C-alpha atoms as a PDB file:
ATOM      1  CA  UNK A   1     -53.879  36.778 -41.488  1.00  0.00           C
ATOM      2  CA  UNK A   2     -50.286  35.781 -40.556  1.00  0.00           C
ATOM      3  CA  UNK A   3     -47.608  38.307 -40.556  1.00  0.00           C
ATOM      4  CA  UNK A   4     -45.665  37.187 -43.340  1.00  0.00           C
ATOM      5  CA  UNK A   5     -41.582  36.656 -42.955  1.00  0.00           C
ATOM      6  CA  UNK A   6     -38.488  35.520 -44.806  1.00  0.00           C
ATOM      7  CA  UNK A   7     -38.365  32.306 -46.333  1.00  0.00           C
ATOM      8  CA  UNK A   8     -34.916  32.267 -44.810  1.00  0.00           C
ATOM      9  CA  UNK A   9     -36.793  32.227 -40.970  1.00  0.00           C
ATOM     10  CA  UNK A  10     -39.164  29.448 -41.877  1.00  0.00           C
ATOM     11  CA  UNK A  11     -38.577  26.061 -39.295  1.00  0.00           C
ATOM     12  CA  UNK A  12     -38.291  22.919 -41.356  1.00  0.00           C
ATOM     13  CA  UNK A  13     -41.500  21.397 -42.049  1.00  0.00           C
ATOM     14  CA  UNK A  14     -43.312  24.506 -42.188  1.00  0.00           C
ATOM     15  CA  UNK A  15     -46.139  24.849 -44.757  1.00  0.00           C
ATOM     16  CA  UNK A  16     -46.182  28.257 -46.056  1.00  0.00           C
ATOM     17  CA  UNK A  17     -47.708  31.062 -49.189  1.00  0.00           C
ATOM     18  CA  UNK A  18     -45.755  33.151 -51.095  1.00  0.00           C
ATOM     19  CA  UNK A  19     -46.748  36.919 -50.435  1.00  0.00           C
ATOM     20  CA  UNK A  20     -44.063  38.908 -52.233  1.00  0.00           C
ATOM     21  CA  UNK A  21     -40.330  38.121 -54.148  1.00  0.00           C
ATOM     22  CA  UNK A  22     -38.280  41.343 -53.940  1.00  0.00           C
ATOM     23  CA  UNK A  23     -37.460  42.578 -57.512  1.00  0.00           C
ATOM     24  CA  UNK A  24     -33.746  42.987 -57.428  1.00  0.00           C
ATOM     25  CA  UNK A  25     -31.127  40.969 -58.666  1.00  0.00           C
ATOM     26  CA  UNK A  26     -30.771  38.227 -60.626  1.00  0.00           C
ATOM     27  CA  UNK A  27     -31.499  35.054 -58.788  1.00  0.00           C
ATOM     28  CA  UNK A  28     -35.164  37.120 -57.921  1.00  0.00           C
ATOM     29  CA  UNK A  29     -35.922  36.573 -61.797  1.00  0.00           C
ATOM     30  CA  UNK A  30     -34.690  33.226 -62.034  1.00  0.00           C
ATOM     31  CA  UNK A  31     -36.648  32.126 -59.373  1.00  0.00           C
ATOM     32  CA  UNK A  32     -39.722  33.896 -61.020  1.00  0.00           C
ATOM     33  CA  UNK A  33     -39.064  32.043 -64.207  1.00  0.00           C
ATOM     34  CA  UNK A  34     -38.970  28.213 -61.933  1.00  0.00           C
ATOM     35  CA  UNK A  35     -42.475  29.483 -60.674  1.00  0.00           C
ATOM     36  CA  UNK A  36     -41.884  30.608 -57.111  1.00  0.00           C
ATOM     37  CA  UNK A  37     -44.745  33.265 -57.982  1.00  0.00           C
ATOM     38  CA  UNK A  38     -46.665  35.145 -55.041  1.00  0.00           C
ATOM     39  CA  UNK A  39     -49.564  33.588 -54.126  1.00  0.00           C
ATOM     40  CA  UNK A  40     -47.326  29.641 -54.660  1.00  0.00           C
ATOM     41  CA  UNK A  41     -47.826  27.157 -51.755  1.00  0.00           C
ATOM     42  CA  UNK A  42     -44.934  25.497 -50.662  1.00  0.00           C
ATOM     43  CA  UNK A  43     -43.065  23.597 -47.761  1.00  0.00           C
ATOM     44  CA  UNK A  44     -39.180  23.764 -46.160  1.00  0.00           C
ATOM     45  CA  UNK A  45     -38.578  20.545 -46.848  1.00  0.00           C
ATOM     46  CA  UNK A  46     -34.691  20.470 -44.900  1.00  0.00           C
ATOM     47  CA  UNK A  47     -31.967  22.834 -43.939  1.00  0.00           C
ATOM     48  CA  UNK A  48     -28.087  21.792 -44.711  1.00  0.00           C
ATOM     49  CA  UNK A  49     -26.498  21.181 -41.120  1.00  0.00           C
ATOM     50  CA  UNK A  50     -25.093  25.211 -41.138  1.00  0.00           C
ATOM     51  CA  UNK A  51     -28.380  26.372 -42.591  1.00  0.00           C
ATOM     52  CA  UNK A  52     -27.738  27.003 -45.758  1.00  0.00           C
ATOM     53  CA  UNK A  53     -28.448  25.929 -48.526  1.00  0.00           C
ATOM     54  CA  UNK A  54     -32.602  25.509 -47.685  1.00  0.00           C
ATOM     55  CA  UNK A  55     -34.799  22.895 -50.032  1.00  0.00           C
ATOM     56  CA  UNK A  56     -38.376  23.895 -50.565  1.00  0.00           C
ATOM     57  CA  UNK A  57     -40.902  21.739 -52.556  1.00  0.00           C
ATOM     58  CA  UNK A  58     -43.511  23.338 -54.652  1.00  0.00           C
ATOM     59  CA  UNK A  59     -45.233  22.911 -57.753  1.00  0.00           C
ATOM     60  CA  UNK A  60     -44.461  19.571 -57.444  1.00  0.00           C
ATOM     61  CA  UNK A  61     -40.634  20.246 -57.104  1.00  0.00           C
ATOM     62  CA  UNK A  62     -37.757  20.412 -55.049  1.00  0.00           C
ATOM     63  CA  UNK A  63     -35.449  23.491 -55.086  1.00  0.00           C
ATOM     64  CA  UNK A  64     -31.833  24.213 -53.391  1.00  0.00           C
ATOM     65  CA  UNK A  65     -32.068  27.855 -52.967  1.00  0.00           C
ATOM     66  CA  UNK A  66     -28.682  29.666 -50.926  1.00  0.00           C
ATOM     67  CA  UNK A  67     -29.574  31.195 -47.689  1.00  0.00           C
ATOM     68  CA  UNK A  68     -29.392  34.838 -48.799  1.00  0.00           C
ATOM     69  CA  UNK A  69     -31.908  34.243 -52.051  1.00  0.00           C
ATOM     70  CA  UNK A  70     -34.578  32.583 -49.930  1.00  0.00           C
ATOM     71  CA  UNK A  71     -34.183  36.136 -47.878  1.00  0.00           C
ATOM     72  CA  UNK A  72     -35.569  38.271 -50.341  1.00  0.00           C
ATOM     73  CA  UNK A  73     -38.858  35.783 -50.438  1.00  0.00           C
ATOM     74  CA  UNK A  74     -41.296  36.735 -47.850  1.00  0.00           C
ATOM     75  CA  UNK A  75     -44.151  33.860 -46.757  1.00  0.00           C
ATOM     76  CA  UNK A  76     -46.857  34.112 -44.698  1.00  0.00           C
ATOM     77  CA  UNK A  77     -46.697  30.716 -42.158  1.00  0.00           C
ATOM     78  CA  UNK A  78     -49.727  28.170 -42.499  1.00  0.00           C
ATOM     79  CA  UNK A  79     -51.648  25.959 -40.312  1.00  0.00           C
END
């Protein structure tokens, strides 16, 4: 089992599985409502030139997150 890292630290093109979301803040609730739950597989598609925002793909659609929001999502990189 690989170590969990923040979604904001995942390299572009990497695949991962969500392990934990912070329970604090309205953005966390909104992410859960959109289907970003523990156990969800995702791919980091790209980042903006300055590293913020990030585009992730999961459950068949693309979502753009602020880097500050992505720091509250722990993921486990997969091969």
